[in-house]
């Protein structure tokens, strides 16, 4: 962080915008009202703002419980020097929004981000089967279209309705009631152990039989609970992959120190993305 930011204790938080998105909501929930929120056009821009210290923190989505990982965020983590210092879990509640009251049979177009359209697929099939679906870069852009275009409605959260002055025609239209998105909080610093922590790694291993099993064995041996493991292309050479691994514990915990000692002998490289307090889902 910059000296000015430290001296004034002022946080500038870059987030995947625009205003009214679920990432905006995650940033608002994680930080107090005294911080400055800085909407960005892309996930890459959030990383750039924090890396250049134009912002002290960044908030980006990393995975959705029904649609899976956010590949852009994972790819940025591979190259970035930033540290994960927190996470925020947001229960996703999608609503059908319009500029004014309108009957379902009068709707000509429904706009939203492609993931939100996918998460409401069954509701749309049952209620608006013949209506055009228009993909937007964000739910906030969809909300703006609903505000500007007659016959257009948006799928977005309650914050978007509040931000852009829209009416909620139908609430909770997502197909899965347990639909949740996990957001990462990024910074240059590190966090101390809270007693309820999670650690995230990127692991590079040898491309030979049994490599993954050798990496997983120490977790079982030391009783470390794995939360997630998935692969992404390393982008360093063709058909080479890296593993993203999340597990319970903090780098300062004794059993996690032992874990790293064993992993060092079984991997080509380990990149620690951060140890941080475990998020709690809020309604």
C-alpha atoms as a PDB file:
ATOM      1  CA  UNK A   1       0.000   0.000   0.000  1.00  0.00           C
ATOM      2  CA  UNK A   2       1.079   3.583  -0.505  1.00  0.00           C
ATOM      3  CA  UNK A   3       2.314   5.669   2.416  1.00  0.00           C
ATOM      4  CA  UNK A   4      -0.573   8.077   1.926  1.00  0.00           C
ATOM      5  CA  UNK A   5      -3.119   5.271   2.122  1.00  0.00           C
ATOM      6  CA  UNK A   6      -1.480   3.925   5.289  1.00  0.00           C
ATOM      7  CA  UNK A   7      -1.263   7.317   7.003  1.00  0.00           C
ATOM      8  CA  UNK A   8      -4.886   8.188   6.296  1.00  0.00           C
ATOM      9  CA  UNK A   9      -6.050   4.616   6.888  1.00  0.00           C
ATOM     10  CA  UNK A  10      -8.205   5.062   3.788  1.00  0.00           C
ATOM     11  CA  UNK A  11      -8.990   1.983   1.729  1.00  0.00           C
ATOM     12  CA  UNK A  12      -9.626   2.287  -1.983  1.00  0.00           C
ATOM     13  CA  UNK A  13     -11.343  -0.870  -3.194  1.00  0.00           C
ATOM     14  CA  UNK A  14     -11.341  -1.758  -6.889  1.00  0.00           C
ATOM     15  CA  UNK A  15     -14.126  -4.152  -7.901  1.00  0.00           C
ATOM     16  CA  UNK A  16     -15.573  -5.676 -11.044  1.00  0.00           C
ATOM     17  CA  UNK A  17     -18.209  -3.117 -11.932  1.00  0.00           C
ATOM     18  CA  UNK A  18     -20.267  -1.309 -12.773  1.00  0.00           C
ATOM     19  CA  UNK A  19     -22.241  -0.344  -9.689  1.00  0.00           C
ATOM     20  CA  UNK A  20     -25.142  -2.578  -8.806  1.00  0.00           C
ATOM     21  CA  UNK A  21     -23.410  -5.903  -9.520  1.00  0.00           C
ATOM     22  CA  UNK A  22     -23.007  -8.770  -7.069  1.00  0.00           C
ATOM     23  CA  UNK A  23     -19.278  -7.939  -6.897  1.00  0.00           C
ATOM     24  CA  UNK A  24     -20.277  -4.431  -5.794  1.00  0.00           C
ATOM     25  CA  UNK A  25     -22.436  -6.021  -3.107  1.00  0.00           C
ATOM     26  CA  UNK A  26     -19.538  -8.236  -1.980  1.00  0.00           C
ATOM     27  CA  UNK A  27     -17.242  -5.198  -1.709  1.00  0.00           C
ATOM     28  CA  UNK A  28     -19.830  -3.269   0.293  1.00  0.00           C
ATOM     29  CA  UNK A  29     -20.276  -6.174   2.704  1.00  0.00           C
ATOM     30  CA  UNK A  30     -16.558  -6.741   3.235  1.00  0.00           C
ATOM     31  CA  UNK A  31     -15.479  -3.136   3.797  1.00  0.00           C
ATOM     32  CA  UNK A  32     -16.839  -0.365   5.991  1.00  0.00           C
ATOM     33  CA  UNK A  33     -18.589   2.716   4.625  1.00  0.00           C
ATOM     34  CA  UNK A  34     -15.453   4.840   4.995  1.00  0.00           C
ATOM     35  CA  UNK A  35     -13.691   3.223   2.032  1.00  0.00           C
ATOM     36  CA  UNK A  36     -13.714   4.467  -1.534  1.00  0.00           C
ATOM     37  CA  UNK A  37     -15.193   2.015  -4.040  1.00  0.00           C
ATOM     38  CA  UNK A  38     -13.696   2.019  -7.538  1.00  0.00           C
ATOM     39  CA  UNK A  39     -15.677   0.151 -10.244  1.00  0.00           C
ATOM     40  CA  UNK A  40     -13.571  -1.449 -13.005  1.00  0.00           C
ATOM     41  CA  UNK A  41     -14.476  -2.640 -16.484  1.00  0.00           C
ATOM     42  CA  UNK A  42     -12.867  -6.073 -16.201  1.00  0.00           C
ATOM     43  CA  UNK A  43     -11.295  -8.540 -13.783  1.00  0.00           C
ATOM     44  CA  UNK A  44      -7.902  -7.769 -15.337  1.00  0.00           C
ATOM     45  CA  UNK A  45      -8.412  -4.067 -14.572  1.00  0.00           C
ATOM     46  CA  UNK A  46      -9.037  -4.848 -10.891  1.00  0.00           C
ATOM     47  CA  UNK A  47      -5.686  -6.633 -10.678  1.00  0.00           C
ATOM     48  CA  UNK A  48      -3.929  -3.749 -12.459  1.00  0.00           C
ATOM     49  CA  UNK A  49      -5.416  -1.125 -10.120  1.00  0.00           C
ATOM     50  CA  UNK A  50      -4.231  -2.983  -7.019  1.00  0.00           C
ATOM     51  CA  UNK A  51      -0.846  -3.982  -8.434  1.00  0.00           C
ATOM     52  CA  UNK A  52      -0.149  -0.339  -9.380  1.00  0.00           C
ATOM     53  CA  UNK A  53      -1.369   0.749  -5.907  1.00  0.00           C
ATOM     54  CA  UNK A  54      -4.086   2.962  -7.356  1.00  0.00           C
ATOM     55  CA  UNK A  55      -6.263   0.840  -5.077  1.00  0.00           C
ATOM     56  CA  UNK A  56      -5.353  -0.749  -1.750  1.00  0.00           C
ATOM     57  CA  UNK A  57      -7.657  -3.744  -2.277  1.00  0.00           C
ATOM     58  CA  UNK A  58      -9.527  -5.522  -5.039  1.00  0.00           C
ATOM     59  CA  UNK A  59     -12.635  -7.691  -5.100  1.00  0.00           C
ATOM     60  CA  UNK A  60     -13.214 -10.226  -7.887  1.00  0.00           C
ATOM     61  CA  UNK A  61     -15.432 -13.308  -8.342  1.00  0.00           C
ATOM     62  CA  UNK A  62     -13.604 -16.645  -8.259  1.00  0.00           C
ATOM     63  CA  UNK A  63     -16.349 -19.293  -8.484  1.00  0.00           C
ATOM     64  CA  UNK A  64     -20.078 -19.879  -8.537  1.00  0.00           C
ATOM     65  CA  UNK A  65     -21.663 -22.894  -6.870  1.00  0.00           C
ATOM     66  CA  UNK A  66     -23.675 -23.848  -9.963  1.00  0.00           C
ATOM     67  CA  UNK A  67     -21.616 -22.492 -12.894  1.00  0.00           C
ATOM     68  CA  UNK A  68     -18.099 -23.262 -11.594  1.00  0.00           C
ATOM     69  CA  UNK A  69     -14.804 -21.369 -11.640  1.00  0.00           C
ATOM     70  CA  UNK A  70     -14.202 -17.919 -13.135  1.00  0.00           C
ATOM     71  CA  UNK A  71     -11.356 -18.634 -15.536  1.00  0.00           C
ATOM     72  CA  UNK A  72     -10.278 -14.985 -15.968  1.00  0.00           C
ATOM     73  CA  UNK A  73      -9.658 -14.654 -12.232  1.00  0.00           C
ATOM     74  CA  UNK A  74      -7.680 -17.901 -12.075  1.00  0.00           C
ATOM     75  CA  UNK A  75      -5.511 -16.849 -15.026  1.00  0.00           C
ATOM     76  CA  UNK A  76      -4.777 -13.484 -13.391  1.00  0.00           C
ATOM     77  CA  UNK A  77      -3.794 -15.217 -10.142  1.00  0.00           C
ATOM     78  CA  UNK A  78      -1.185 -17.284 -11.998  1.00  0.00           C
ATOM     79  CA  UNK A  79       0.750 -14.161 -13.026  1.00  0.00           C
ATOM     80  CA  UNK A  80      -0.102 -11.714 -10.237  1.00  0.00           C
ATOM     81  CA  UNK A  81       2.005 -10.851  -7.189  1.00  0.00           C
ATOM     82  CA  UNK A  82      -1.097  -9.955  -5.167  1.00  0.00           C
ATOM     83  CA  UNK A  83      -2.179 -11.884  -2.084  1.00  0.00           C
ATOM     84  CA  UNK A  84      -5.635 -13.167  -1.180  1.00  0.00           C
ATOM     85  CA  UNK A  85      -6.422 -11.534   2.184  1.00  0.00           C
ATOM     86  CA  UNK A  86     -10.102 -12.417   2.468  1.00  0.00           C
ATOM     87  CA  UNK A  87     -13.153 -13.904   0.839  1.00  0.00           C
ATOM     88  CA  UNK A  88     -16.820 -13.034   0.705  1.00  0.00           C
ATOM     89  CA  UNK A  89     -19.646 -15.499   0.016  1.00  0.00           C
ATOM     90  CA  UNK A  90     -22.801 -14.023  -1.478  1.00  0.00           C
ATOM     91  CA  UNK A  91     -26.059 -15.913  -1.816  1.00  0.00           C
ATOM     92  CA  UNK A  92     -27.239 -15.075  -5.327  1.00  0.00           C
ATOM     93  CA  UNK A  93     -30.844 -13.934  -5.537  1.00  0.00           C
ATOM     94  CA  UNK A  94     -31.930 -13.061  -9.074  1.00  0.00           C
ATOM     95  CA  UNK A  95     -34.913 -10.834  -9.741  1.00  0.00           C
ATOM     96  CA  UNK A  96     -36.811  -9.795 -12.856  1.00  0.00           C
ATOM     97  CA  UNK A  97     -36.514  -6.007 -13.053  1.00  0.00           C
ATOM     98  CA  UNK A  98     -38.317  -3.393 -15.159  1.00  0.00           C
ATOM     99  CA  UNK A  99     -38.553   0.394 -15.292  1.00  0.00           C
ATOM    100  CA  UNK A 100     -42.266   0.141 -14.435  1.00  0.00           C
ATOM    101  CA  UNK A 101     -44.928  -2.495 -13.909  1.00  0.00           C
ATOM    102  CA  UNK A 102     -45.353  -4.659 -17.009  1.00  0.00           C
ATOM    103  CA  UNK A 103     -47.192  -7.926 -17.640  1.00  0.00           C
ATOM    104  CA  UNK A 104     -45.110 -10.945 -18.605  1.00  0.00           C
ATOM    105  CA  UNK A 105     -46.892 -11.197 -21.969  1.00  0.00           C
ATOM    106  CA  UNK A 106     -45.767  -7.636 -22.805  1.00  0.00           C
ATOM    107  CA  UNK A 107     -42.060  -8.352 -22.365  1.00  0.00           C
ATOM    108  CA  UNK A 108     -40.078  -8.326 -25.630  1.00  0.00           C
ATOM    109  CA  UNK A 109     -36.524  -8.880 -24.382  1.00  0.00           C
ATOM    110  CA  UNK A 110     -34.834 -10.094 -21.209  1.00  0.00           C
ATOM    111  CA  UNK A 111     -31.265  -8.906 -20.676  1.00  0.00           C
ATOM    112  CA  UNK A 112     -28.595 -10.175 -18.290  1.00  0.00           C
ATOM    113  CA  UNK A 113     -25.081 -11.579 -18.019  1.00  0.00           C
ATOM    114  CA  UNK A 114     -24.788 -15.005 -19.645  1.00  0.00           C
ATOM    115  CA  UNK A 115     -24.236 -16.714 -16.276  1.00  0.00           C
ATOM    116  CA  UNK A 116     -27.369 -15.135 -14.809  1.00  0.00           C
ATOM    117  CA  UNK A 117     -29.404 -16.220 -17.838  1.00  0.00           C
ATOM    118  CA  UNK A 118     -28.039 -19.745 -17.355  1.00  0.00           C
ATOM    119  CA  UNK A 119     -28.858 -19.683 -13.635  1.00  0.00           C
ATOM    120  CA  UNK A 120     -32.487 -18.788 -14.438  1.00  0.00           C
ATOM    121  CA  UNK A 121     -32.819 -21.138 -17.425  1.00  0.00           C
ATOM    122  CA  UNK A 122     -35.800 -23.129 -16.144  1.00  0.00           C
ATOM    123  CA  UNK A 123     -37.703 -20.081 -14.915  1.00  0.00           C
ATOM    124  CA  UNK A 124     -37.266 -18.389 -18.288  1.00  0.00           C
ATOM    125  CA  UNK A 125     -38.315 -21.541 -20.138  1.00  0.00           C
ATOM    126  CA  UNK A 126     -41.499 -21.817 -18.063  1.00  0.00           C
ATOM    127  CA  UNK A 127     -42.448 -18.134 -17.927  1.00  0.00           C
ATOM    128  CA  UNK A 128     -40.874 -16.364 -20.934  1.00  0.00           C
ATOM    129  CA  UNK A 129     -40.300 -19.168 -23.457  1.00  0.00           C
ATOM    130  CA  UNK A 130     -40.604 -17.034 -26.615  1.00  0.00           C
ATOM    131  CA  UNK A 131     -38.870 -13.889 -25.356  1.00  0.00           C
ATOM    132  CA  UNK A 132     -35.481 -12.874 -26.782  1.00  0.00           C
ATOM    133  CA  UNK A 133     -32.569 -13.343 -24.366  1.00  0.00           C
ATOM    134  CA  UNK A 134     -29.887 -10.689 -24.681  1.00  0.00           C
ATOM    135  CA  UNK A 135     -26.435 -11.264 -23.149  1.00  0.00           C
ATOM    136  CA  UNK A 136     -24.768  -8.285 -21.450  1.00  0.00           C
ATOM    137  CA  UNK A 137     -21.289  -7.811 -20.045  1.00  0.00           C
ATOM    138  CA  UNK A 138     -22.841  -7.358 -16.588  1.00  0.00           C
ATOM    139  CA  UNK A 139     -26.191  -7.397 -14.831  1.00  0.00           C
ATOM    140  CA  UNK A 140     -25.764  -3.669 -14.250  1.00  0.00           C
ATOM    141  CA  UNK A 141     -25.638  -3.060 -18.008  1.00  0.00           C
ATOM    142  CA  UNK A 142     -28.818  -5.137 -18.283  1.00  0.00           C
ATOM    143  CA  UNK A 143     -30.447  -2.942 -15.624  1.00  0.00           C
ATOM    144  CA  UNK A 144     -29.546   0.164 -17.637  1.00  0.00           C
ATOM    145  CA  UNK A 145     -31.134  -1.361 -20.760  1.00  0.00           C
ATOM    146  CA  UNK A 146     -34.321  -2.103 -18.822  1.00  0.00           C
ATOM    147  CA  UNK A 147     -34.361   1.518 -17.725  1.00  0.00           C
ATOM    148  CA  UNK A 148     -33.909   2.844 -21.259  1.00  0.00           C
ATOM    149  CA  UNK A 149     -35.814   0.419 -23.514  1.00  0.00           C
ATOM    150  CA  UNK A 150     -39.558  -0.180 -23.483  1.00  0.00           C
ATOM    151  CA  UNK A 151     -40.432  -3.859 -23.341  1.00  0.00           C
ATOM    152  CA  UNK A 152     -36.984  -4.821 -22.010  1.00  0.00           C
ATOM    153  CA  UNK A 153     -36.534  -6.349 -18.564  1.00  0.00           C
ATOM    154  CA  UNK A 154     -33.375  -7.348 -16.713  1.00  0.00           C
ATOM    155  CA  UNK A 155     -32.299 -10.190 -14.487  1.00  0.00           C
ATOM    156  CA  UNK A 156     -30.225  -8.790 -11.628  1.00  0.00           C
ATOM    157  CA  UNK A 157     -29.987  -8.480  -7.870  1.00  0.00           C
ATOM    158  CA  UNK A 158     -31.859  -6.216  -5.495  1.00  0.00           C
ATOM    159  CA  UNK A 159     -28.876  -3.828  -5.354  1.00  0.00           C
ATOM    160  CA  UNK A 160     -29.227  -3.189  -9.100  1.00  0.00           C
ATOM    161  CA  UNK A 161     -32.924  -2.402  -8.633  1.00  0.00           C
ATOM    162  CA  UNK A 162     -32.034   0.064  -5.886  1.00  0.00           C
ATOM    163  CA  UNK A 163     -29.111   1.592  -7.798  1.00  0.00           C
ATOM    164  CA  UNK A 164     -30.986   2.177 -11.066  1.00  0.00           C
ATOM    165  CA  UNK A 165     -34.483   2.808  -9.732  1.00  0.00           C
ATOM    166  CA  UNK A 166     -36.141  -0.311 -11.156  1.00  0.00           C
ATOM    167  CA  UNK A 167     -39.169  -2.246  -9.990  1.00  0.00           C
ATOM    168  CA  UNK A 168     -38.917  -5.919  -8.997  1.00  0.00           C
ATOM    169  CA  UNK A 169     -41.531  -7.796 -11.054  1.00  0.00           C
ATOM    170  CA  UNK A 170     -40.597 -11.269  -9.779  1.00  0.00           C
ATOM    171  CA  UNK A 171     -38.117 -12.127  -7.048  1.00  0.00           C
ATOM    172  CA  UNK A 172     -35.959 -15.219  -6.458  1.00  0.00           C
ATOM    173  CA  UNK A 173     -36.239 -16.532 -10.015  1.00  0.00           C
ATOM    174  CA  UNK A 174     -32.951 -18.490  -9.923  1.00  0.00           C
ATOM    175  CA  UNK A 175     -33.337 -22.222 -10.542  1.00  0.00           C
ATOM    176  CA  UNK A 176     -31.114 -23.274  -7.621  1.00  0.00           C
ATOM    177  CA  UNK A 177     -31.982 -21.818  -4.224  1.00  0.00           C
ATOM    178  CA  UNK A 178     -28.468 -22.621  -2.925  1.00  0.00           C
ATOM    179  CA  UNK A 179     -26.838 -20.588  -5.724  1.00  0.00           C
ATOM    180  CA  UNK A 180     -23.843 -18.759  -4.237  1.00  0.00           C
ATOM    181  CA  UNK A 181     -20.800 -16.911  -5.553  1.00  0.00           C
ATOM    182  CA  UNK A 182     -17.434 -16.712  -3.836  1.00  0.00           C
ATOM    183  CA  UNK A 183     -15.425 -13.493  -4.144  1.00  0.00           C
ATOM    184  CA  UNK A 184     -11.745 -12.935  -3.342  1.00  0.00           C
ATOM    185  CA  UNK A 185     -10.322  -9.881  -1.599  1.00  0.00           C
ATOM    186  CA  UNK A 186      -6.859  -9.014  -2.942  1.00  0.00           C
ATOM    187  CA  UNK A 187      -4.088  -6.804  -1.574  1.00  0.00           C
ATOM    188  CA  UNK A 188      -0.320  -6.532  -1.171  1.00  0.00           C
ATOM    189  CA  UNK A 189      -0.346  -7.502   2.501  1.00  0.00           C
ATOM    190  CA  UNK A 190      -0.849 -10.704   4.476  1.00  0.00           C
ATOM    191  CA  UNK A 191      -3.250 -11.719   7.220  1.00  0.00           C
ATOM    192  CA  UNK A 192      -2.525 -13.267  10.593  1.00  0.00           C
ATOM    193  CA  UNK A 193      -4.150 -16.473  11.728  1.00  0.00           C
ATOM    194  CA  UNK A 194      -7.746 -15.976  12.877  1.00  0.00           C
ATOM    195  CA  UNK A 195      -8.350 -19.552  14.024  1.00  0.00           C
ATOM    196  CA  UNK A 196     -10.747 -20.186  11.133  1.00  0.00           C
ATOM    197  CA  UNK A 197      -8.708 -19.814   7.987  1.00  0.00           C
ATOM    198  CA  UNK A 198      -8.284 -21.085   4.475  1.00  0.00           C
ATOM    199  CA  UNK A 199      -5.140 -21.257   2.329  1.00  0.00           C
ATOM    200  CA  UNK A 200      -5.007 -21.153  -1.475  1.00  0.00           C
ATOM    201  CA  UNK A 201      -2.131 -22.483  -3.593  1.00  0.00           C
ATOM    202  CA  UNK A 202      -1.122 -22.940  -7.186  1.00  0.00           C
ATOM    203  CA  UNK A 203       0.872 -26.158  -7.580  1.00  0.00           C
ATOM    204  CA  UNK A 204       3.137 -27.060 -10.489  1.00  0.00           C
ATOM    205  CA  UNK A 205       4.037 -30.748 -10.626  1.00  0.00           C
ATOM    206  CA  UNK A 206       5.949 -33.141 -12.809  1.00  0.00           C
ATOM    207  CA  UNK A 207       4.067 -34.477 -15.812  1.00  0.00           C
ATOM    208  CA  UNK A 208       4.368 -38.170 -15.003  1.00  0.00           C
ATOM    209  CA  UNK A 209       2.173 -40.966 -13.586  1.00  0.00           C
ATOM    210  CA  UNK A 210       1.372 -40.665  -9.870  1.00  0.00           C
ATOM    211  CA  UNK A 211       2.318 -36.973  -9.518  1.00  0.00           C
ATOM    212  CA  UNK A 212      -1.124 -35.865  -8.323  1.00  0.00           C
ATOM    213  CA  UNK A 213      -1.380 -38.776  -5.875  1.00  0.00           C
ATOM    214  CA  UNK A 214       2.000 -37.840  -4.384  1.00  0.00           C
ATOM    215  CA  UNK A 215       0.790 -34.274  -3.862  1.00  0.00           C
ATOM    216  CA  UNK A 216      -2.444 -35.367  -2.193  1.00  0.00           C
ATOM    217  CA  UNK A 217      -0.901 -37.928   0.183  1.00  0.00           C
ATOM    218  CA  UNK A 218       0.455 -35.368   2.724  1.00  0.00           C
ATOM    219  CA  UNK A 219      -3.021 -33.832   3.115  1.00  0.00           C
ATOM    220  CA  UNK A 220      -4.421 -37.183   4.244  1.00  0.00           C
ATOM    221  CA  UNK A 221      -1.384 -37.962   6.385  1.00  0.00           C
ATOM    222  CA  UNK A 222      -1.605 -34.655   8.295  1.00  0.00           C
ATOM    223  CA  UNK A 223      -5.414 -34.522   8.421  1.00  0.00           C
ATOM    224  CA  UNK A 224      -5.664 -31.317   6.382  1.00  0.00           C
ATOM    225  CA  UNK A 225      -9.106 -30.872   4.852  1.00  0.00           C
ATOM    226  CA  UNK A 226      -9.149 -30.078   1.113  1.00  0.00           C
ATOM    227  CA  UNK A 227     -11.864 -27.645   0.010  1.00  0.00           C
ATOM    228  CA  UNK A 228     -11.162 -27.589  -3.708  1.00  0.00           C
ATOM    229  CA  UNK A 229      -8.757 -28.853  -6.352  1.00  0.00           C
ATOM    230  CA  UNK A 230      -8.998 -28.053 -10.052  1.00  0.00           C
ATOM    231  CA  UNK A 231      -6.763 -27.605 -13.065  1.00  0.00           C
ATOM    232  CA  UNK A 232      -6.040 -24.828 -15.533  1.00  0.00           C
ATOM    233  CA  UNK A 233      -3.636 -24.714 -18.479  1.00  0.00           C
ATOM    234  CA  UNK A 234      -0.289 -23.346 -17.277  1.00  0.00           C
ATOM    235  CA  UNK A 235       0.117 -21.319 -20.506  1.00  0.00           C
ATOM    236  CA  UNK A 236       3.860 -21.942 -20.282  1.00  0.00           C
ATOM    237  CA  UNK A 237       3.788 -24.849 -22.712  1.00  0.00           C
ATOM    238  CA  UNK A 238       1.233 -26.961 -24.526  1.00  0.00           C
ATOM    239  CA  UNK A 239      -0.676 -29.524 -22.466  1.00  0.00           C
ATOM    240  CA  UNK A 240       0.930 -28.452 -19.199  1.00  0.00           C
ATOM    241  CA  UNK A 241      -1.398 -27.721 -16.284  1.00  0.00           C
ATOM    242  CA  UNK A 242      -1.372 -26.088 -12.877  1.00  0.00           C
ATOM    243  CA  UNK A 243      -3.515 -27.127  -9.925  1.00  0.00           C
ATOM    244  CA  UNK A 244      -5.487 -24.662  -7.818  1.00  0.00           C
ATOM    245  CA  UNK A 245      -5.860 -26.058  -4.308  1.00  0.00           C
ATOM    246  CA  UNK A 246      -7.814 -24.640  -1.346  1.00  0.00           C
ATOM    247  CA  UNK A 247      -7.603 -26.200   2.109  1.00  0.00           C
ATOM    248  CA  UNK A 248      -8.355 -25.473   5.771  1.00  0.00           C
ATOM    249  CA  UNK A 249      -5.641 -23.834   7.846  1.00  0.00           C
ATOM    250  CA  UNK A 250      -3.160 -20.954   7.883  1.00  0.00           C
ATOM    251  CA  UNK A 251       0.445 -20.896   6.700  1.00  0.00           C
ATOM    252  CA  UNK A 252       1.519 -20.147  10.281  1.00  0.00           C
ATOM    253  CA  UNK A 253      -0.177 -23.265  11.692  1.00  0.00           C
ATOM    254  CA  UNK A 254       2.287 -26.004  12.661  1.00  0.00           C
ATOM    255  CA  UNK A 255       0.555 -28.750  10.659  1.00  0.00           C
ATOM    256  CA  UNK A 256       0.473 -26.512   7.584  1.00  0.00           C
ATOM    257  CA  UNK A 257       4.209 -25.848   7.968  1.00  0.00           C
ATOM    258  CA  UNK A 258       4.709 -29.633   7.970  1.00  0.00           C
ATOM    259  CA  UNK A 259       2.457 -29.892   4.920  1.00  0.00           C
ATOM    260  CA  UNK A 260       4.586 -27.423   2.958  1.00  0.00           C
ATOM    261  CA  UNK A 261       7.746 -29.254   3.983  1.00  0.00           C
ATOM    262  CA  UNK A 262       6.402 -32.462   2.442  1.00  0.00           C
ATOM    263  CA  UNK A 263       4.946 -30.741  -0.627  1.00  0.00           C
ATOM    264  CA  UNK A 264       8.306 -29.124  -1.414  1.00  0.00           C
ATOM    265  CA  UNK A 265       9.720 -32.594  -2.054  1.00  0.00           C
ATOM    266  CA  UNK A 266       6.811 -33.657  -4.276  1.00  0.00           C
ATOM    267  CA  UNK A 267       6.264 -30.641  -6.567  1.00  0.00           C
ATOM    268  CA  UNK A 268       8.144 -28.575  -9.113  1.00  0.00           C
ATOM    269  CA  UNK A 269       6.887 -25.275  -7.706  1.00  0.00           C
ATOM    270  CA  UNK A 270       4.323 -23.970  -5.211  1.00  0.00           C
ATOM    271  CA  UNK A 271       2.858 -20.489  -5.335  1.00  0.00           C
ATOM    272  CA  UNK A 272       1.050 -19.469  -2.138  1.00  0.00           C
ATOM    273  CA  UNK A 273      -1.859 -17.216  -3.064  1.00  0.00           C
ATOM    274  CA  UNK A 274      -2.687 -16.423   0.556  1.00  0.00           C
ATOM    275  CA  UNK A 275      -3.980 -17.536   3.949  1.00  0.00           C
ATOM    276  CA  UNK A 276      -7.107 -15.665   4.994  1.00  0.00           C
ATOM    277  CA  UNK A 277     -10.193 -15.847   7.225  1.00  0.00           C
ATOM    278  CA  UNK A 278     -12.876 -18.206   5.964  1.00  0.00           C
ATOM    279  CA  UNK A 279     -15.929 -16.386   4.599  1.00  0.00           C
ATOM    280  CA  UNK A 280     -19.410 -16.878   6.008  1.00  0.00           C
ATOM    281  CA  UNK A 281     -22.412 -16.851   3.702  1.00  0.00           C
ATOM    282  CA  UNK A 282     -24.837 -14.029   4.487  1.00  0.00           C
ATOM    283  CA  UNK A 283     -28.423 -13.805   3.328  1.00  0.00           C
END
